Amino acid sequence: MKIIVTGGSGRLGQSVVRGLAASHEVISIDRNPVEGLPATQLQVDLADVDATTAAFRDIGADALVHLAAISVPFSAPEHVILQTNLALAYSAISAATASGARLILAASSPTLIGYGRPGGWEPEYLPIDEAHRLEPWNAYALSKQAIEELIAMFTRSNGDTTTYGAFRPCFVISPDEWDGALTQQGHTVADRLDQPELAAVSLFNYVDARDAADFIAAWLEGAAAVPNGQVFFVGAQDALARTSLAELIPRYLPLLGDAAAHLTGSAPAFSSDLAQSLLGWSATRSWRTELAAAAAATDQTVPAPSITTVGSSR
């Protein structure tokens, strides 16, 4: 297939482009090209609907993977985040639809669930899945809910000719971040493990960017067999924590009470079971294996984790 990836130079985008390029022709659209990226790299102002429509028409892609966005909450004024993310998504999705793309997948976010709200937040249940209520409390999360609504709108209007979908990647960790590069929050993965309060706000969720890329490949391959417009959680099979969430959540998120009492071992607070059941995808990478591999490559040592199992039968 010929696939457009918007935001192909980003933390997730580079892994997506590299993963797809092994089997497909990839066109990466981003403001900043990346040397060595295995794709045709174009600079298109996605905020310009006419320019985007013309570019997509010229490309004639079979599929769109839309990742371009302001990707960090509160990294810009709230109105800028909301306007930018919604405008980019509408422009790309509408242009891809008009150009005849048959597969369109857009990135959303777990943040629209509402965790981290300053006044307190409680889940309906754990682990959280796609049926959980949505309670966005900031512009970033609201923009992601709006993108899911865009996907639903286009599914209703064009679902007879185009297959649409959205996915909610957990806290994305790129390959270089296992080696010590700073994450999008400005600290390292090791910091996030050593200081549980850093990861507690997002319920210790994460996903390796390469696993998210594998999900995208699985969706592109199997989208015709799943409900049009389906939303998926995409996360690791374990929590980003050295001890169980049954212990950590009461300590760092006391408002949740005993909601995590059954999340023993390495069980995560988010379920990706739907992706497994409909697409046969599940994450294959864990912080345990990736940090150990990074340490071995640099002849360092990583403290042995207190939990040795990866994943759980949820």
Protein backbone atom coordinates (compact mmCIF):
# COMPACT_ATOMS: atom_id res chain seq x y z
CA MET A 1 0.00 0.00 0.00
CA LYS A 2 0.90 3.65 -0.30
CA ILE A 3 0.46 5.14 3.17
CA ILE A 4 0.56 8.73 4.37
CA VAL A 5 1.79 9.19 7.95
CA THR A 6 1.28 12.69 9.33
CA GLY A 7 3.63 13.58 12.15
CA GLY A 8 6.10 11.02 10.82
CA SER A 9 9.08 12.79 12.44
CA GLY A 10 7.65 12.54 15.95
CA ARG A 11 8.27 10.29 18.95
CA LEU A 12 5.71 7.76 17.74
CA GLY A 13 5.82 8.70 14.07
CA GLN A 14 9.39 7.60 13.42
CA SER A 15 8.71 4.10 14.74
CA VAL A 16 5.50 3.94 12.72
CA VAL A 17 7.25 5.01 9.52
CA ARG A 18 10.10 2.55 10.05
CA GLY A 19 7.70 -0.28 10.80
CA LEU A 20 5.44 0.34 7.81
CA ALA A 21 8.27 1.02 5.38
CA ALA A 22 9.35 -2.63 5.58
CA SER A 23 6.27 -3.62 3.56
CA HIS A 24 4.72 -0.44 2.17
CA GLU A 25 5.48 2.81 0.42
CA VAL A 26 5.35 5.52 3.09
CA ILE A 27 4.95 9.27 2.69
CA SER A 28 5.78 11.15 5.89
CA ILE A 29 4.26 14.61 6.29
CA ASP A 30 5.84 16.72 9.00
CA ARG A 31 7.26 20.20 9.50
CA ASN A 32 10.71 18.81 10.29
CA PRO A 33 12.26 16.09 8.12
CA VAL A 34 14.41 13.43 9.78
CA GLU A 35 17.63 12.24 8.20
CA GLY A 36 17.55 8.56 7.32
CA LEU A 37 13.81 8.09 7.71
CA PRO A 38 12.78 5.42 5.16
CA ALA A 39 10.00 7.44 3.56
CA THR A 40 9.30 10.21 1.11
CA GLN A 41 9.25 13.26 3.38
CA LEU A 42 6.99 16.18 2.52
CA GLN A 43 6.29 19.46 4.26
CA VAL A 44 2.60 20.34 3.96
CA ASP A 45 0.72 22.88 6.08
CA LEU A 46 -2.00 20.58 7.39
CA ALA A 47 -3.82 23.58 8.85
CA ASP A 48 -4.46 24.70 5.25
CA VAL A 49 -7.36 22.54 4.09
CA ASP A 50 -6.98 23.44 0.41
CA ALA A 51 -3.23 22.78 0.37
CA THR A 52 -3.70 19.50 2.22
CA THR A 53 -6.48 18.37 -0.11
CA ALA A 54 -4.32 19.14 -3.16
CA ALA A 55 -1.29 17.33 -1.71
CA PHE A 56 -3.29 14.24 -0.78
CA ARG A 57 -4.93 14.18 -4.20
CA ASP A 58 -1.50 14.27 -5.85
CA ILE A 59 -0.17 11.51 -3.61
CA GLY A 60 -3.15 9.20 -4.16
CA ALA A 61 -2.52 7.13 -1.03
CA ASP A 62 -4.40 3.99 -0.08
CA ALA A 63 -4.27 4.80 3.63
CA LEU A 64 -3.74 7.59 6.14
CA VAL A 65 -2.28 7.28 9.63
CA HIS A 66 -2.86 10.63 11.32
CA LEU A 67 -0.46 11.34 14.19
CA ALA A 68 0.29 15.05 13.75
CA ALA A 69 -0.71 17.12 16.78
CA ILE A 70 0.52 19.15 19.70
CA SER A 71 1.32 16.02 21.65
CA VAL A 72 1.97 17.19 25.22
CA PRO A 73 -0.81 18.58 27.44
CA PHE A 74 -0.26 22.20 28.59
CA SER A 75 2.74 22.64 26.26
CA ALA A 76 0.89 25.52 24.56
CA PRO A 77 -2.06 27.74 25.52
CA GLU A 78 -5.22 25.69 25.90
CA HIS A 79 -7.04 27.35 23.00
CA VAL A 80 -4.04 26.75 20.73
CA ILE A 81 -3.92 23.04 21.57
CA LEU A 82 -7.64 22.60 20.98
CA GLN A 83 -7.75 24.57 17.75
CA THR A 84 -4.55 23.09 16.34
CA ASN A 85 -5.25 19.44 17.04
CA LEU A 86 -8.81 19.57 15.78
CA ALA A 87 -7.89 21.56 12.68
CA LEU A 88 -5.05 19.23 11.71
CA ALA A 89 -7.22 16.16 12.19
CA TYR A 90 -10.14 17.52 10.19
CA SER A 91 -7.88 18.68 7.37
CA ALA A 92 -6.03 15.36 7.08
CA ILE A 93 -9.07 13.09 7.47
CA SER A 94 -11.22 15.07 5.06
CA ALA A 95 -8.41 15.29 2.49
CA ALA A 96 -7.70 11.56 2.71
CA THR A 97 -11.39 10.79 2.32
CA ALA A 98 -11.74 13.08 -0.67
CA SER A 99 -8.65 11.60 -2.33
CA GLY A 100 -10.07 8.08 -2.15
CA ALA A 101 -8.04 6.56 0.68
CA ARG A 102 -9.78 3.38 1.81
CA LEU A 103 -8.21 3.16 5.29
CA ILE A 104 -7.96 6.08 7.75
CA LEU A 105 -6.66 5.71 11.31
CA ALA A 106 -6.23 8.61 13.75
CA ALA A 107 -4.35 8.82 17.04
CA SER A 108 -6.36 9.65 20.15
CA SER A 109 -5.20 9.36 23.78
CA PRO A 110 -6.09 7.67 27.09
CA THR A 111 -6.16 11.15 28.68
CA LEU A 112 -9.77 11.62 27.56
CA ILE A 113 -10.74 9.16 30.31
CA GLY A 114 -10.11 12.01 32.75
CA TYR A 115 -7.39 10.73 35.07
CA GLY A 116 -5.17 13.32 36.73
CA ARG A 117 -7.97 15.82 37.26
CA PRO A 118 -6.86 18.30 39.94
CA GLY A 119 -10.10 18.00 41.88
CA GLY A 120 -9.86 14.23 41.98
CA TRP A 121 -11.05 11.44 39.72
CA GLU A 122 -12.29 7.90 40.18
CA PRO A 123 -12.63 5.22 37.50
CA GLU A 124 -15.81 3.23 37.04
CA TYR A 125 -13.67 0.09 37.10
CA LEU A 126 -10.14 -1.19 36.53
CA PRO A 127 -8.65 -2.17 34.18
CA ILE A 128 -10.08 0.56 31.96
CA ASP A 129 -11.32 -0.45 28.51
CA GLU A 130 -13.03 1.20 25.55
CA ALA A 131 -16.45 1.15 27.24
CA HIS A 132 -15.34 3.41 30.12
CA ARG A 133 -16.90 6.87 30.34
CA LEU A 134 -15.00 9.87 28.97
CA GLU A 135 -14.30 12.90 31.17
CA PRO A 136 -11.69 15.14 29.51
CA TRP A 137 -10.69 18.05 31.74
CA ASN A 138 -8.10 19.88 29.62
CA ALA A 139 -7.82 21.04 26.02
CA TYR A 140 -5.47 18.26 24.97
CA ALA A 141 -7.82 15.52 26.19
CA LEU A 142 -10.83 17.33 24.73
CA SER A 143 -9.08 17.61 21.36
CA LYS A 144 -8.60 13.84 21.36
CA GLN A 145 -12.25 13.23 22.15
CA ALA A 146 -13.11 15.58 19.29
CA ILE A 147 -10.86 13.58 16.96
CA GLU A 148 -12.72 10.41 17.90
CA GLU A 149 -15.97 12.22 17.15
CA LEU A 150 -14.54 13.24 13.77
CA ILE A 151 -13.80 9.59 13.05
CA ALA A 152 -17.38 8.70 14.04
CA MET A 153 -18.77 11.49 11.84
CA PHE A 154 -16.79 10.41 8.78
CA THR A 155 -17.74 6.79 9.43
CA ARG A 156 -21.41 7.76 9.35
CA SER A 157 -21.03 9.82 6.17
CA ASN A 158 -18.46 7.78 4.21
CA GLY A 159 -18.29 4.39 5.89
CA ASP A 160 -19.67 2.62 2.83
CA THR A 161 -16.44 3.30 0.91
CA THR A 162 -13.81 4.00 3.60
CA THR A 163 -12.84 2.23 6.81
CA TYR A 164 -12.03 4.51 9.75
CA GLY A 165 -10.58 3.91 13.17
CA ALA A 166 -8.95 5.56 16.17
CA PHE A 167 -6.47 4.31 18.73
CA ARG A 168 -5.42 5.51 22.16
CA PRO A 169 -1.71 4.82 22.61
CA CYS A 170 -0.62 4.84 26.23
CA PHE A 171 2.41 6.89 27.37
CA VAL A 172 4.68 6.40 24.36
CA ILE A 173 8.29 5.42 24.99
CA SER A 174 10.55 5.62 21.94
CA PRO A 175 13.53 3.27 21.52
CA ASP A 176 16.11 5.91 22.47
CA GLU A 177 14.29 6.60 25.74
CA TRP A 178 15.16 3.12 26.98
CA ASP A 179 18.77 4.29 26.58
CA GLY A 180 18.19 7.29 28.85
CA ALA A 181 16.85 9.99 26.54
CA LEU A 182 14.24 12.19 28.18
CA THR A 183 10.59 11.26 27.77
CA GLN A 184 7.96 13.79 26.71
CA GLN A 185 7.52 14.74 30.37
CA GLY A 186 11.17 15.76 30.75
CA HIS A 187 12.39 12.88 32.88
CA THR A 188 13.73 9.42 32.08
CA VAL A 189 11.99 6.06 32.16
CA ALA A 190 14.18 5.11 35.14
CA ASP A 191 12.98 8.26 36.94
CA ARG A 192 9.40 7.20 36.28
CA LEU A 193 10.08 3.82 37.85
CA ASP A 194 12.11 5.11 40.78
CA GLN A 195 9.64 7.89 41.60
CA PRO A 196 6.18 6.29 41.28
CA GLU A 197 4.43 9.63 41.76
CA LEU A 198 5.58 10.59 38.25
CA ALA A 199 3.69 7.72 36.64
CA ALA A 200 0.82 7.59 39.11
CA VAL A 201 -0.99 10.53 37.51
CA SER A 202 -1.48 8.45 34.34
CA LEU A 203 -2.15 5.19 36.21
CA PHE A 204 1.27 3.83 35.26
CA ASN A 205 0.35 3.29 31.62
CA TYR A 206 2.89 3.07 28.79
CA VAL A 207 3.60 1.48 25.42
CA ASP A 208 6.77 1.02 23.40
CA ALA A 209 6.52 3.06 20.18
CA ARG A 210 7.41 -0.03 18.15
CA ASP A 211 4.53 -1.97 19.68
CA ALA A 212 2.19 0.90 18.78
CA ALA A 213 3.60 0.75 15.25
CA ASP A 214 2.86 -2.97 15.16
CA PHE A 215 -0.73 -2.23 16.20
CA ILE A 216 -1.08 0.21 13.31
CA ALA A 217 0.23 -2.40 10.89
CA ALA A 218 -2.24 -4.93 12.30
CA TRP A 219 -5.11 -2.46 11.94
CA LEU A 220 -4.21 -1.66 8.33
CA GLU A 221 -4.15 -5.37 7.61
CA GLY A 222 -7.33 -6.32 9.44
CA ALA A 223 -9.49 -3.18 9.56
CA ALA A 224 -12.02 -4.51 7.05
CA ALA A 225 -12.93 -7.28 9.50
CA VAL A 226 -13.60 -5.03 12.53
CA PRO A 227 -16.46 -2.56 13.13
CA ASN A 228 -16.02 0.62 11.11
CA GLY A 229 -15.03 3.52 13.36
CA GLN A 230 -13.79 1.26 16.17
CA VAL A 231 -11.61 2.82 18.91
CA PHE A 232 -8.83 0.82 20.56
CA PHE A 233 -6.65 1.15 23.63
CA VAL A 234 -3.03 0.33 22.80
CA GLY A 235 -0.83 -0.34 25.81
CA ALA A 236 1.81 -2.63 27.27
CA GLN A 237 0.77 -5.85 28.95
CA ASP A 238 2.21 -4.66 32.25
CA ALA A 239 2.30 -1.47 34.30
CA LEU A 240 5.26 0.92 34.37
CA ALA A 241 5.92 0.14 38.02
CA ARG A 242 8.29 -1.98 40.07
CA THR A 243 5.55 -3.18 42.40
CA SER A 244 1.91 -4.08 41.81
CA LEU A 245 -0.77 -1.47 41.24
CA ALA A 246 -2.69 -3.11 44.06
CA GLU A 247 0.01 -1.64 46.32
CA LEU A 248 0.83 1.59 44.48
CA ILE A 249 -2.58 3.00 43.63
CA PRO A 250 -3.86 3.17 47.24
CA ARG A 251 -0.59 4.85 48.20
CA TYR A 252 -0.41 7.47 45.46
CA LEU A 253 -4.06 7.73 44.41
CA PRO A 254 -6.00 7.23 47.66
CA LEU A 255 -9.26 8.50 46.14
CA LEU A 256 -9.40 5.29 44.12
CA GLY A 257 -9.77 3.28 47.31
CA ASP A 258 -9.57 -0.46 46.68
CA ALA A 259 -10.44 -0.22 42.98
CA ALA A 260 -7.04 -1.70 42.10
CA ALA A 261 -7.07 -4.46 44.71
CA HIS A 262 -7.23 -7.13 42.00
CA LEU A 263 -4.38 -5.60 39.93
CA THR A 264 -1.75 -7.85 41.43
CA GLY A 265 1.52 -8.97 39.89
CA SER A 266 2.32 -6.82 36.87
CA ALA A 267 -1.29 -6.22 35.75
CA PRO A 268 -1.83 -2.81 34.09
CA ALA A 269 -4.67 -0.34 34.69
CA PHE A 270 -5.61 -0.26 30.99
CA SER A 271 -6.81 -3.19 28.92
CA SER A 272 -5.83 -3.78 25.30
CA ASP A 273 -7.89 -6.96 25.12
CA LEU A 274 -10.10 -5.57 22.34
CA ALA A 275 -7.11 -5.18 20.03
CA GLN A 276 -6.11 -8.73 20.85
CA SER A 277 -9.56 -10.17 20.19
CA LEU A 278 -10.32 -8.23 16.99
CA LEU A 279 -6.86 -7.81 15.45
CA GLY A 280 -4.71 -10.42 17.13
CA TRP A 281 -2.40 -7.68 18.43
CA SER A 282 -0.80 -7.44 21.84
CA ALA A 283 2.33 -5.62 22.97
CA THR A 284 5.47 -7.74 23.01
CA ARG A 285 7.84 -5.31 24.75
CA SER A 286 8.09 -4.55 28.45
CA TRP A 287 10.15 -2.06 30.45
CA ARG A 288 11.76 -5.09 32.07
CA THR A 289 13.17 -6.45 28.82
CA GLU A 290 13.90 -3.10 27.16
CA LEU A 291 15.73 -1.48 30.07
CA ALA A 292 17.75 -4.65 30.59
CA ALA A 293 18.67 -4.72 26.90
CA ALA A 294 19.66 -1.04 26.96
CA ALA A 295 21.77 -1.58 30.07
CA ALA A 296 23.50 -4.61 28.55
CA ALA A 297 24.32 -2.60 25.43
CA THR A 298 26.07 0.03 27.54
CA ASP A 299 27.50 -2.40 30.11
CA GLN A 300 25.34 -0.98 32.90
CA THR A 301 23.22 -2.71 35.49
CA VAL A 302 19.51 -2.35 36.19
CA PRO A 303 18.07 -3.23 39.62
CA ALA A 304 16.16 -6.48 39.43
CA PRO A 305 12.39 -5.86 39.35
CA SER A 306 10.32 -7.22 42.18
CA ILE A 307 7.77 -8.59 39.69
CA THR A 308 8.93 -11.11 37.11
CA THR A 309 5.73 -11.87 35.21
CA VAL A 310 4.68 -9.76 32.25
CA GLY A 311 0.98 -9.22 31.64
CA SER A 312 -1.97 -10.88 33.31
CA SER A 313 -5.15 -12.72 32.51
CA ARG A 314 -7.61 -9.87 32.85
